[in-house]
Protein backbone atom coordinates (compact mmCIF):
# COMPACT_ATOMS: atom_id res chain seq x y z
CA UNK A 1 312.91 82.77 -52.87
CA UNK A 2 311.64 79.32 -53.75
CA UNK A 3 312.57 76.14 -51.96
CA UNK A 4 314.96 75.21 -54.77
CA UNK A 5 316.82 78.50 -54.42
CA UNK A 6 317.15 78.59 -50.64
CA UNK A 7 320.42 77.54 -49.01
CA UNK A 8 318.74 74.97 -46.80
CA UNK A 9 315.39 73.72 -48.05
CA UNK A 10 312.81 72.73 -45.48
CA UNK A 11 313.23 69.08 -46.40
CA UNK A 12 316.95 69.20 -45.55
CA UNK A 13 316.29 70.86 -42.21
CA UNK A 14 313.64 68.28 -41.30
CA UNK A 15 315.99 65.43 -42.22
CA UNK A 16 318.74 66.94 -40.10
CA UNK A 17 316.46 67.29 -37.09
CA UNK A 18 315.21 63.72 -37.43
CA UNK A 19 318.66 62.17 -37.82
CA UNK A 20 320.45 64.26 -35.22
CA UNK A 21 317.82 64.88 -32.56
CA UNK A 22 315.16 62.18 -32.87
CA UNK A 23 317.04 59.06 -33.99
CA UNK A 24 319.25 58.92 -30.87
CA UNK A 25 316.10 58.70 -28.74
CA UNK A 26 314.63 55.72 -30.62
CA UNK A 27 315.74 53.19 -27.97
CA UNK A 28 313.78 55.09 -25.32
CA UNK A 29 310.79 55.57 -27.61
CA UNK A 30 310.64 51.87 -28.46
CA UNK A 31 311.08 50.67 -24.89
CA UNK A 32 308.92 53.41 -23.32
CA UNK A 33 311.53 53.69 -20.59
CA UNK A 34 312.55 57.30 -20.07
CA UNK A 35 314.52 56.37 -16.95
CA UNK A 36 317.01 54.26 -18.94
CA UNK A 37 320.27 56.09 -18.26
CA UNK A 38 322.28 54.17 -20.86
CA UNK A 39 319.90 55.31 -23.58
CA UNK A 40 320.19 58.89 -22.36
CA UNK A 41 323.98 58.58 -22.44
CA UNK A 42 323.81 57.22 -25.99
CA UNK A 43 321.53 60.03 -27.14
CA UNK A 44 323.67 62.75 -25.58
CA UNK A 45 326.88 61.20 -26.91
CA UNK A 46 325.40 60.96 -30.42
CA UNK A 47 324.24 64.57 -30.46
CA UNK A 48 327.52 65.83 -29.00
CA UNK A 49 329.57 63.79 -31.47
CA UNK A 50 327.63 65.30 -34.35
CA UNK A 51 328.03 68.85 -33.04
CA UNK A 52 331.71 68.51 -32.14
CA UNK A 53 332.62 66.92 -35.47
CA UNK A 54 330.92 69.76 -37.35
CA UNK A 55 332.73 72.36 -35.23
CA UNK A 56 336.11 70.74 -35.90
CA UNK A 57 335.45 70.51 -39.63
CA UNK A 58 334.24 74.11 -39.75
CA UNK A 59 337.43 75.32 -38.06
CA UNK A 60 339.91 73.21 -40.01
CA UNK A 61 338.22 73.02 -43.41
CA UNK A 62 335.69 75.83 -43.90
CA UNK A 63 335.88 75.25 -47.65
CA UNK A 64 334.53 71.74 -47.14
CA UNK A 65 331.53 73.09 -45.25
CA UNK A 66 330.89 75.58 -48.05
CA UNK A 67 331.13 72.82 -50.65
CA UNK A 68 328.77 70.55 -48.74
CA UNK A 69 326.29 73.40 -48.32
CA UNK A 70 325.99 73.60 -52.10
CA UNK A 71 325.04 69.94 -52.55
CA UNK A 72 321.61 70.83 -53.93
CA UNK A 73 323.17 72.86 -56.73
CA UNK A 74 325.37 70.04 -58.00
CA UNK A 75 324.72 68.62 -61.44
CA UNK A 76 324.76 64.87 -61.90
């Protein structure tokens, strides 16, 4: 299976990891202060908000998740 045929290409997975798990920690990375509790709270809240919103959407609108999963197959 080539990258174009896979459900989630490597590029998409890397983008997801960067946006969801690395971007919330940018304030701590920039300031070099890992003891900054407000930044930790922001990072945790951001990650939880992402996860919870996806869980709610998956439960209420599974067809929407299926449609969004096929975004690479869409024709312009």
